[in-house]
Amino acid sequence: MKELLIRPERCLGCRSCELACAVAHSTSKNLLTSISEEPRPQYRVHVAGDGKTSLPLQCRNCEDAPCLNACLTGALHRDERDVVVCNSDLCVGCWMCIMVCPFGIINQEHKQRRIIKCDRCPDLETPACVTACPTAALTYQEISEAGREKRQAVLAQLQQTSP
C-alpha cells in the first residue's frame, strides 16, 4: 500500500505543493485559468512554519480516524484506497470533523457549506503535491520501500562515521 510520506528536513517552505494541489482540484486543471475560476480552487495541503522550519501537512488518514466517528451524515468514509474522503453531497457543514481532527487540516470550503480535505488526488497516479515538490520532501511510495530507504541511509551514515 502506498502512503504519502513527509521528510521535514527537506521542506523549504516554498509552497509549491499548495499551488499544485489547488490547480489539481480546479475545474480547468490549468494554472493560468484556475486563478480566475469561481469559486477559487483551494489547496488541501498546508505548509506550516517559517521557512527555516517548514512542514507540509495534509490528512494522515488516521487508522482510528476521529473525523469518521464525528461525521453525523456519513459523508466521510474510506474509499477503496483506504483514504478518508468526503462525499460532498452528504456533507451538511456541521464542522464536527474539523473540531476533532488531531492535525487541524480539515477546512471549510469558501463558498459552499462543506469541508475540504486531502483526497490524495484519486485521478492521478501520484498526488499533485508530491510531483510538484522540488526537494522530495513529499513522497508517495510503498511503506516497505520507505523502510528500506531509511535502513540504507542509516547504514551509509554509520559507514561514514566509522573509523
N, C-alpha and C. Protein backbone atom coordinates (compact mmCIF):
# COMPACT_ATOMS: atom_id res chain seq x y z
N MET A 1 0.83 -1.17 0.00
CA MET A 1 0.00 0.00 0.00
C MET A 1 0.89 1.25 0.00
N LYS A 2 0.55 2.19 -0.86
CA LYS A 2 1.32 3.43 -0.93
C LYS A 2 0.82 4.42 0.12
N GLU A 3 1.78 5.16 0.65
CA GLU A 3 1.48 6.20 1.64
C GLU A 3 2.17 7.49 1.23
N LEU A 4 1.59 8.59 1.65
CA LEU A 4 2.19 9.90 1.46
C LEU A 4 3.12 10.14 2.64
N LEU A 5 4.40 10.24 2.36
CA LEU A 5 5.40 10.38 3.42
C LEU A 5 6.03 11.77 3.37
N ILE A 6 6.37 12.27 4.55
CA ILE A 6 6.95 13.61 4.68
C ILE A 6 8.37 13.50 5.21
N ARG A 7 9.27 14.22 4.56
CA ARG A 7 10.65 14.35 5.05
C ARG A 7 10.84 15.82 5.43
N PRO A 8 10.52 16.16 6.68
CA PRO A 8 10.51 17.58 7.08
C PRO A 8 11.85 18.29 6.90
N GLU A 9 12.94 17.57 7.02
CA GLU A 9 14.26 18.20 6.88
C GLU A 9 14.51 18.70 5.46
N ARG A 10 13.71 18.24 4.50
CA ARG A 10 13.89 18.66 3.10
C ARG A 10 12.96 19.80 2.69
N CYS A 11 11.97 20.12 3.52
CA CYS A 11 10.98 21.14 3.14
C CYS A 11 11.58 22.53 3.21
N LEU A 12 11.46 23.28 2.11
CA LEU A 12 11.95 24.65 2.03
C LEU A 12 10.88 25.68 2.39
N GLY A 13 9.64 25.23 2.48
CA GLY A 13 8.54 26.16 2.72
C GLY A 13 8.17 26.94 1.47
N CYS A 14 8.45 26.41 0.29
CA CYS A 14 8.22 27.12 -0.97
C CYS A 14 6.74 27.15 -1.38
N ARG A 15 5.95 26.28 -0.81
CA ARG A 15 4.51 26.19 -1.06
C ARG A 15 4.15 25.72 -2.48
N SER A 16 5.10 25.12 -3.18
CA SER A 16 4.79 24.54 -4.50
C SER A 16 3.71 23.48 -4.38
N CYS A 17 3.72 22.75 -3.28
CA CYS A 17 2.73 21.70 -3.06
C CYS A 17 1.32 22.29 -2.94
N GLU A 18 1.19 23.43 -2.25
CA GLU A 18 -0.11 24.08 -2.11
C GLU A 18 -0.65 24.52 -3.46
N LEU A 19 0.20 25.13 -4.26
CA LEU A 19 -0.21 25.61 -5.58
C LEU A 19 -0.61 24.44 -6.48
N ALA A 20 0.19 23.40 -6.51
CA ALA A 20 -0.11 22.23 -7.34
C ALA A 20 -1.41 21.57 -6.91
N CYS A 21 -1.65 21.53 -5.61
CA CYS A 21 -2.88 20.94 -5.08
C CYS A 21 -4.10 21.74 -5.53
N ALA A 22 -4.03 23.06 -5.41
CA ALA A 22 -5.16 23.90 -5.82
C ALA A 22 -5.44 23.74 -7.31
N VAL A 23 -4.40 23.72 -8.12
CA VAL A 23 -4.59 23.56 -9.57
C VAL A 23 -5.17 22.18 -9.89
N ALA A 24 -4.68 21.15 -9.22
CA ALA A 24 -5.18 19.78 -9.45
C ALA A 24 -6.66 19.65 -9.09
N HIS A 25 -7.13 20.46 -8.15
CA HIS A 25 -8.53 20.40 -7.73
C HIS A 25 -9.38 21.51 -8.36
N SER A 26 -8.81 22.22 -9.33
CA SER A 26 -9.56 23.26 -10.04
C SER A 26 -10.38 22.62 -11.15
N THR A 27 -11.29 23.39 -11.69
CA THR A 27 -12.10 22.89 -12.80
C THR A 27 -11.27 22.72 -14.05
N SER A 28 -10.40 23.68 -14.33
CA SER A 28 -9.63 23.67 -15.58
C SER A 28 -8.37 22.81 -15.52
N LYS A 29 -7.85 22.56 -14.32
CA LYS A 29 -6.59 21.83 -14.13
C LYS A 29 -5.42 22.58 -14.78
N ASN A 30 -5.56 23.88 -14.94
CA ASN A 30 -4.55 24.71 -15.59
C ASN A 30 -4.24 25.91 -14.70
N LEU A 31 -2.97 26.15 -14.44
CA LEU A 31 -2.57 27.23 -13.53
C LEU A 31 -3.11 28.58 -13.97
N LEU A 32 -2.92 28.93 -15.23
CA LEU A 32 -3.30 30.26 -15.69
C LEU A 32 -4.80 30.51 -15.63
N THR A 33 -5.60 29.51 -15.94
CA THR A 33 -7.05 29.71 -15.91
C THR A 33 -7.65 29.44 -14.54
N SER A 34 -7.00 28.63 -13.74
CA SER A 34 -7.58 28.29 -12.43
C SER A 34 -7.61 29.49 -11.48
N ILE A 35 -6.70 30.43 -11.65
CA ILE A 35 -6.68 31.58 -10.73
C ILE A 35 -7.87 32.52 -10.93
N SER A 36 -8.56 32.39 -12.06
CA SER A 36 -9.74 33.23 -12.28
C SER A 36 -11.04 32.45 -12.12
N GLU A 37 -10.96 31.20 -11.69
CA GLU A 37 -12.17 30.39 -11.50
C GLU A 37 -12.94 30.85 -10.27
N GLU A 38 -14.25 30.69 -10.32
CA GLU A 38 -15.11 30.94 -9.17
C GLU A 38 -15.93 29.69 -8.92
N PRO A 39 -15.91 29.15 -7.73
CA PRO A 39 -15.08 29.59 -6.61
C PRO A 39 -13.62 29.26 -6.88
N ARG A 40 -12.74 30.04 -6.26
CA ARG A 40 -11.30 29.80 -6.42
C ARG A 40 -10.94 28.45 -5.86
N PRO A 41 -10.12 27.71 -6.57
CA PRO A 41 -9.72 26.39 -6.06
C PRO A 41 -8.92 26.53 -4.77
N GLN A 42 -9.20 25.64 -3.83
CA GLN A 42 -8.49 25.65 -2.56
C GLN A 42 -7.52 24.49 -2.50
N TYR A 43 -6.41 24.69 -1.84
CA TYR A 43 -5.46 23.62 -1.65
C TYR A 43 -5.83 22.81 -0.41
N ARG A 44 -5.39 21.57 -0.40
CA ARG A 44 -5.71 20.65 0.68
C ARG A 44 -4.47 20.25 1.47
N VAL A 45 -3.32 20.73 1.06
CA VAL A 45 -2.08 20.54 1.80
C VAL A 45 -1.69 21.92 2.32
N HIS A 46 -1.20 21.97 3.54
CA HIS A 46 -0.87 23.25 4.17
C HIS A 46 0.57 23.23 4.63
N VAL A 47 1.34 24.22 4.23
CA VAL A 47 2.72 24.31 4.69
C VAL A 47 2.73 25.14 5.96
N ALA A 48 3.13 24.52 7.04
CA ALA A 48 3.23 25.20 8.33
C ALA A 48 4.69 25.54 8.58
N GLY A 49 4.93 26.66 9.21
CA GLY A 49 6.29 27.02 9.56
C GLY A 49 6.73 28.32 8.93
N ASP A 50 8.00 28.65 9.15
CA ASP A 50 8.52 29.94 8.75
C ASP A 50 9.60 29.89 7.68
N GLY A 51 9.81 28.78 7.06
CA GLY A 51 10.86 28.66 6.05
C GLY A 51 12.07 27.94 6.60
N LYS A 52 12.54 28.35 7.79
CA LYS A 52 13.65 27.63 8.42
C LYS A 52 13.18 26.26 8.88
N THR A 53 12.00 26.25 9.46
CA THR A 53 11.40 25.01 9.92
C THR A 53 10.01 24.94 9.31
N SER A 54 9.88 24.29 8.18
CA SER A 54 8.59 24.18 7.50
C SER A 54 8.19 22.72 7.40
N LEU A 55 6.89 22.51 7.29
CA LEU A 55 6.38 21.16 7.23
C LEU A 55 5.09 21.14 6.42
N PRO A 56 5.04 20.33 5.36
CA PRO A 56 3.79 20.19 4.62
C PRO A 56 2.84 19.27 5.39
N LEU A 57 1.64 19.73 5.64
CA LEU A 57 0.66 18.95 6.40
C LEU A 57 -0.55 18.66 5.53
N GLN A 58 -1.00 17.42 5.57
CA GLN A 58 -2.24 17.03 4.93
C GLN A 58 -2.83 15.86 5.71
N CYS A 59 -4.00 15.44 5.33
CA CYS A 59 -4.68 14.37 6.06
C CYS A 59 -3.77 13.15 6.19
N ARG A 60 -3.64 12.65 7.39
CA ARG A 60 -2.81 11.49 7.66
C ARG A 60 -3.61 10.19 7.57
N ASN A 61 -4.90 10.27 7.30
CA ASN A 61 -5.75 9.08 7.20
C ASN A 61 -5.55 8.17 8.40
N CYS A 62 -5.76 8.74 9.57
CA CYS A 62 -5.56 8.03 10.83
C CYS A 62 -6.21 6.66 10.79
N GLU A 63 -5.55 5.69 11.40
CA GLU A 63 -6.11 4.34 11.46
C GLU A 63 -7.46 4.36 12.15
N ASP A 64 -7.53 5.02 13.29
CA ASP A 64 -8.79 5.19 14.01
C ASP A 64 -9.19 6.66 13.86
N ALA A 65 -9.60 7.03 12.67
CA ALA A 65 -9.84 8.43 12.32
C ALA A 65 -11.00 9.03 13.10
N PRO A 66 -10.73 10.01 13.98
CA PRO A 66 -11.80 10.62 14.76
C PRO A 66 -12.83 11.33 13.89
N CYS A 67 -12.41 11.83 12.73
CA CYS A 67 -13.35 12.52 11.84
C CYS A 67 -14.45 11.58 11.34
N LEU A 68 -14.09 10.31 11.10
CA LEU A 68 -15.09 9.34 10.64
C LEU A 68 -16.18 9.14 11.68
N ASN A 69 -15.77 9.02 12.93
CA ASN A 69 -16.74 8.82 14.02
C ASN A 69 -17.55 10.07 14.29
N ALA A 70 -16.98 11.24 14.04
CA ALA A 70 -17.67 12.50 14.33
C ALA A 70 -18.65 12.90 13.24
N CYS A 71 -18.48 12.37 12.04
CA CYS A 71 -19.33 12.76 10.91
C CYS A 71 -20.76 12.27 11.12
N LEU A 72 -21.68 13.21 11.23
CA LEU A 72 -23.08 12.89 11.54
C LEU A 72 -23.83 12.25 10.38
N THR A 73 -23.42 12.54 9.16
CA THR A 73 -24.17 12.08 7.98
C THR A 73 -23.52 10.92 7.24
N GLY A 74 -22.31 10.55 7.63
CA GLY A 74 -21.60 9.50 6.90
C GLY A 74 -20.94 10.03 5.63
N ALA A 75 -20.84 11.35 5.50
CA ALA A 75 -20.19 11.93 4.32
C ALA A 75 -18.72 11.53 4.25
N LEU A 76 -18.08 11.42 5.41
CA LEU A 76 -16.69 10.97 5.45
C LEU A 76 -16.67 9.45 5.51
N HIS A 77 -15.88 8.86 4.65
CA HIS A 77 -15.77 7.40 4.60
C HIS A 77 -14.42 7.03 3.98
N ARG A 78 -14.04 5.79 4.07
CA ARG A 78 -12.80 5.31 3.44
C ARG A 78 -13.13 4.77 2.05
N ASP A 79 -12.31 5.16 1.08
CA ASP A 79 -12.51 4.64 -0.27
C ASP A 79 -11.72 3.35 -0.46
N GLU A 80 -11.69 2.84 -1.68
CA GLU A 80 -11.02 1.57 -1.96
C GLU A 80 -9.51 1.64 -1.75
N ARG A 81 -8.95 2.86 -1.69
CA ARG A 81 -7.52 3.03 -1.43
C ARG A 81 -7.24 3.15 0.07
N ASP A 82 -8.29 3.08 0.89
CA ASP A 82 -8.22 3.24 2.34
C ASP A 82 -7.95 4.70 2.73
N VAL A 83 -8.30 5.62 1.84
CA VAL A 83 -8.14 7.06 2.09
C VAL A 83 -9.48 7.60 2.59
N VAL A 84 -9.43 8.42 3.63
CA VAL A 84 -10.65 9.07 4.14
C VAL A 84 -11.03 10.17 3.16
N VAL A 85 -12.21 10.05 2.57
CA VAL A 85 -12.69 11.03 1.59
C VAL A 85 -14.07 11.53 2.01
N CYS A 86 -14.48 12.63 1.40
CA CYS A 86 -15.77 13.23 1.73
C CYS A 86 -16.69 13.19 0.52
N ASN A 87 -17.90 12.69 0.74
CA ASN A 87 -18.95 12.77 -0.27
C ASN A 87 -19.62 14.12 -0.06
N SER A 88 -19.30 15.09 -0.90
CA SER A 88 -19.79 16.46 -0.72
C SER A 88 -21.30 16.57 -0.75
N ASP A 89 -21.96 15.63 -1.43
CA ASP A 89 -23.42 15.66 -1.48
C ASP A 89 -24.05 15.35 -0.12
N LEU A 90 -23.32 14.62 0.72
CA LEU A 90 -23.85 14.26 2.04
C LEU A 90 -23.40 15.22 3.14
N CYS A 91 -22.35 15.98 2.90
CA CYS A 91 -21.81 16.88 3.92
C CYS A 91 -22.78 18.04 4.16
N VAL A 92 -23.14 18.25 5.43
CA VAL A 92 -24.06 19.33 5.79
C VAL A 92 -23.33 20.52 6.44
N GLY A 93 -22.03 20.42 6.53
CA GLY A 93 -21.26 21.53 7.09
C GLY A 93 -21.45 21.72 8.57
N CYS A 94 -21.51 20.63 9.32
CA CYS A 94 -21.66 20.74 10.78
C CYS A 94 -20.32 21.04 11.45
N TRP A 95 -19.23 20.78 10.74
CA TRP A 95 -17.85 21.05 11.16
C TRP A 95 -17.36 20.17 12.31
N MET A 96 -18.08 19.11 12.63
CA MET A 96 -17.62 18.21 13.70
C MET A 96 -16.26 17.62 13.36
N CYS A 97 -16.05 17.24 12.12
CA CYS A 97 -14.77 16.65 11.71
C CYS A 97 -13.63 17.64 11.89
N ILE A 98 -13.90 18.91 11.61
CA ILE A 98 -12.88 19.95 11.78
C ILE A 98 -12.48 20.05 13.25
N MET A 99 -13.47 19.97 14.12
CA MET A 99 -13.20 20.11 15.55
C MET A 99 -12.40 18.96 16.13
N VAL A 100 -12.56 17.75 15.58
CA VAL A 100 -11.89 16.59 16.17
C VAL A 100 -10.60 16.19 15.46
N CYS A 101 -10.30 16.79 14.32
CA CYS A 101 -9.08 16.42 13.59
C CYS A 101 -7.85 16.74 14.43
N PRO A 102 -7.04 15.73 14.76
CA PRO A 102 -5.87 15.97 15.62
C PRO A 102 -4.78 16.80 14.94
N PHE A 103 -4.83 16.94 13.62
CA PHE A 103 -3.81 17.69 12.90
C PHE A 103 -4.30 19.06 12.43
N GLY A 104 -5.60 19.32 12.57
CA GLY A 104 -6.15 20.61 12.17
C GLY A 104 -6.07 20.89 10.69
N ILE A 105 -6.21 19.86 9.87
CA ILE A 105 -6.03 20.06 8.43
C ILE A 105 -7.32 19.91 7.62
N ILE A 106 -8.42 19.64 8.27
CA ILE A 106 -9.71 19.66 7.57
C ILE A 106 -10.21 21.10 7.65
N ASN A 107 -10.62 21.64 6.52
CA ASN A 107 -11.04 23.05 6.47
C ASN A 107 -12.42 23.20 5.86
N GLN A 108 -12.97 24.40 6.00
CA GLN A 108 -14.24 24.75 5.38
C GLN A 108 -13.98 25.19 3.95
N GLU A 109 -14.86 24.78 3.05
CA GLU A 109 -14.77 25.30 1.70
C GLU A 109 -15.31 26.73 1.70
N HIS A 110 -14.72 27.61 0.90
CA HIS A 110 -15.06 29.03 0.93
C HIS A 110 -16.54 29.32 0.61
N LYS A 111 -17.03 28.81 -0.47
CA LYS A 111 -18.36 29.21 -0.95
C LYS A 111 -19.50 28.30 -0.50
N GLN A 112 -19.22 27.01 -0.39
CA GLN A 112 -20.29 26.08 -0.05
C GLN A 112 -20.11 25.59 1.37
N ARG A 113 -21.18 25.22 2.00
CA ARG A 113 -21.12 24.76 3.38
C ARG A 113 -20.75 23.28 3.41
N ARG A 114 -19.46 23.03 3.20
CA ARG A 114 -18.95 21.66 3.26
C ARG A 114 -17.46 21.71 3.60
N ILE A 115 -16.90 20.54 3.86
CA ILE A 115 -15.48 20.50 4.24
C ILE A 115 -14.61 20.22 3.02
N ILE A 116 -13.34 20.50 3.21
CA ILE A 116 -12.36 20.25 2.17
C ILE A 116 -11.14 19.63 2.84
N LYS A 117 -10.65 18.52 2.28
CA LYS A 117 -9.51 17.82 2.86
C LYS A 117 -8.75 17.08 1.77
N CYS A 118 -7.55 16.67 2.08
CA CYS A 118 -6.73 15.93 1.13
C CYS A 118 -7.44 14.64 0.72
N ASP A 119 -7.49 14.39 -0.57
CA ASP A 119 -8.07 13.15 -1.09
C ASP A 119 -7.03 12.32 -1.83
N ARG A 120 -5.77 12.70 -1.73
CA ARG A 120 -4.65 12.03 -2.38
C ARG A 120 -4.80 11.97 -3.90
N CYS A 121 -5.49 12.95 -4.46
CA CYS A 121 -5.63 13.09 -5.93
C CYS A 121 -6.00 11.76 -6.59
N PRO A 122 -7.22 11.30 -6.40
CA PRO A 122 -7.61 9.98 -6.91
C PRO A 122 -7.50 9.82 -8.42
N ASP A 123 -7.53 10.91 -9.17
CA ASP A 123 -7.44 10.83 -10.63
C ASP A 123 -6.00 10.80 -11.14
N LEU A 124 -5.05 10.94 -10.23
CA LEU A 124 -3.64 10.96 -10.62
C LEU A 124 -2.91 9.76 -10.03
N GLU A 125 -1.90 9.29 -10.73
CA GLU A 125 -1.11 8.17 -10.22
C GLU A 125 -0.32 8.57 -8.97
N THR A 126 0.19 9.79 -8.98
CA THR A 126 0.92 10.35 -7.85
C THR A 126 0.27 11.68 -7.48
N PRO A 127 0.00 11.94 -6.20
CA PRO A 127 -0.63 13.20 -5.82
C PRO A 127 0.15 14.41 -6.35
N ALA A 128 -0.60 15.45 -6.72
CA ALA A 128 0.00 16.65 -7.32
C ALA A 128 1.04 17.29 -6.42
N CYS A 129 0.82 17.27 -5.12
CA CYS A 129 1.78 17.90 -4.20
C CYS A 129 3.13 17.20 -4.25
N VAL A 130 3.11 15.89 -4.40
CA VAL A 130 4.35 15.11 -4.47
C VAL A 130 5.11 15.44 -5.74
N THR A 131 4.39 15.46 -6.85
CA THR A 131 5.01 15.75 -8.14
C THR A 131 5.63 17.15 -8.16
N ALA A 132 4.99 18.10 -7.49
CA ALA A 132 5.45 19.49 -7.51
C ALA A 132 6.60 19.78 -6.55
N CYS A 133 6.83 18.93 -5.59
CA CYS A 133 7.84 19.22 -4.56
C CYS A 133 9.25 19.15 -5.14
N PRO A 134 9.97 20.29 -5.15
CA PRO A 134 11.29 20.31 -5.79
C PRO A 134 12.39 19.61 -4.99
N THR A 135 12.14 19.32 -3.72
CA THR A 135 13.19 18.72 -2.88
C THR A 135 12.85 17.31 -2.42
N ALA A 136 11.74 16.76 -2.91
CA ALA A 136 11.27 15.43 -2.49
C ALA A 136 11.00 15.37 -0.99
N ALA A 137 10.53 16.49 -0.44
CA ALA A 137 10.09 16.48 0.97
C ALA A 137 8.82 15.65 1.10
N LEU A 138 8.06 15.56 0.02
CA LEU A 138 6.88 14.71 -0.04
C LEU A 138 7.15 13.57 -1.00
N THR A 139 6.86 12.36 -0.57
CA THR A 139 6.99 11.20 -1.44
C THR A 139 5.73 10.36 -1.32
N TYR A 140 5.45 9.59 -2.35
CA TYR A 140 4.30 8.70 -2.36
C TYR A 140 4.85 7.33 -2.73
N GLN A 141 4.99 6.47 -1.74
CA GLN A 141 5.64 5.20 -2.01
C GLN A 141 5.14 4.10 -1.09
N GLU A 142 5.51 2.89 -1.47
CA GLU A 142 5.18 1.74 -0.64
C GLU A 142 5.90 1.88 0.69
N ILE A 143 5.23 1.52 1.76
CA ILE A 143 5.82 1.63 3.09
C ILE A 143 7.08 0.77 3.19
N SER A 144 7.05 -0.42 2.61
CA SER A 144 8.23 -1.30 2.66
C SER A 144 9.43 -0.65 1.97
N GLU A 145 9.18 0.05 0.88
CA GLU A 145 10.25 0.74 0.15
C GLU A 145 10.82 1.88 1.01
N ALA A 146 9.95 2.61 1.68
CA ALA A 146 10.39 3.71 2.55
C ALA A 146 11.25 3.18 3.69
N GLY A 147 10.87 2.05 4.26
CA GLY A 147 11.65 1.45 5.33
C GLY A 147 13.03 1.03 4.85
N ARG A 148 13.07 0.43 3.67
CA ARG A 148 14.35 0.00 3.09
C ARG A 148 15.26 1.21 2.85
N GLU A 149 14.71 2.30 2.33
CA GLU A 149 15.50 3.51 2.09
C GLU A 149 16.06 4.07 3.39
N LYS A 150 15.26 4.06 4.45
CA LYS A 150 15.74 4.56 5.74
C LYS A 150 16.87 3.70 6.28
N ARG A 151 16.73 2.39 6.15
CA ARG A 151 17.79 1.49 6.62
C ARG A 151 19.08 1.74 5.85
N GLN A 152 18.98 1.92 4.54
CA GLN A 152 20.16 2.20 3.73
C GLN A 152 20.81 3.53 4.11
N ALA A 153 20.00 4.53 4.42
CA ALA A 153 20.53 5.83 4.82
C ALA A 153 21.25 5.74 6.16
N VAL A 154 20.68 4.98 7.10
CA VAL A 154 21.33 4.79 8.40
C VAL A 154 22.65 4.06 8.23
N LEU A 155 22.66 3.03 7.40
CA LEU A 155 23.88 2.27 7.15
C LEU A 155 24.95 3.17 6.52
N ALA A 156 24.57 3.97 5.55
CA ALA A 156 25.52 4.88 4.90
C ALA A 156 26.09 5.88 5.90
N GLN A 157 25.24 6.37 6.78
CA GLN A 157 25.70 7.33 7.79
C GLN A 157 26.67 6.66 8.77
N LEU A 158 26.37 5.43 9.16
CA LEU A 158 27.26 4.70 10.06
C LEU A 158 28.61 4.43 9.40
N GLN A 159 28.58 4.10 8.12
CA GLN A 159 29.82 3.83 7.40
C GLN A 159 30.69 5.09 7.29
N GLN A 160 30.07 6.23 7.20
CA GLN A 160 30.82 7.49 7.11
C GLN A 160 31.46 7.85 8.44
N THR A 161 30.81 7.51 9.54
CA THR A 161 31.32 7.89 10.86
C THR A 161 32.22 6.83 11.47
N SER A 162 32.26 5.64 10.89
CA SER A 162 33.12 4.57 11.42
C SER A 162 34.57 4.82 11.03
N PRO A 163 35.51 4.53 11.97
CA PRO A 163 36.93 4.74 11.67
C PRO A 163 37.47 3.73 10.68
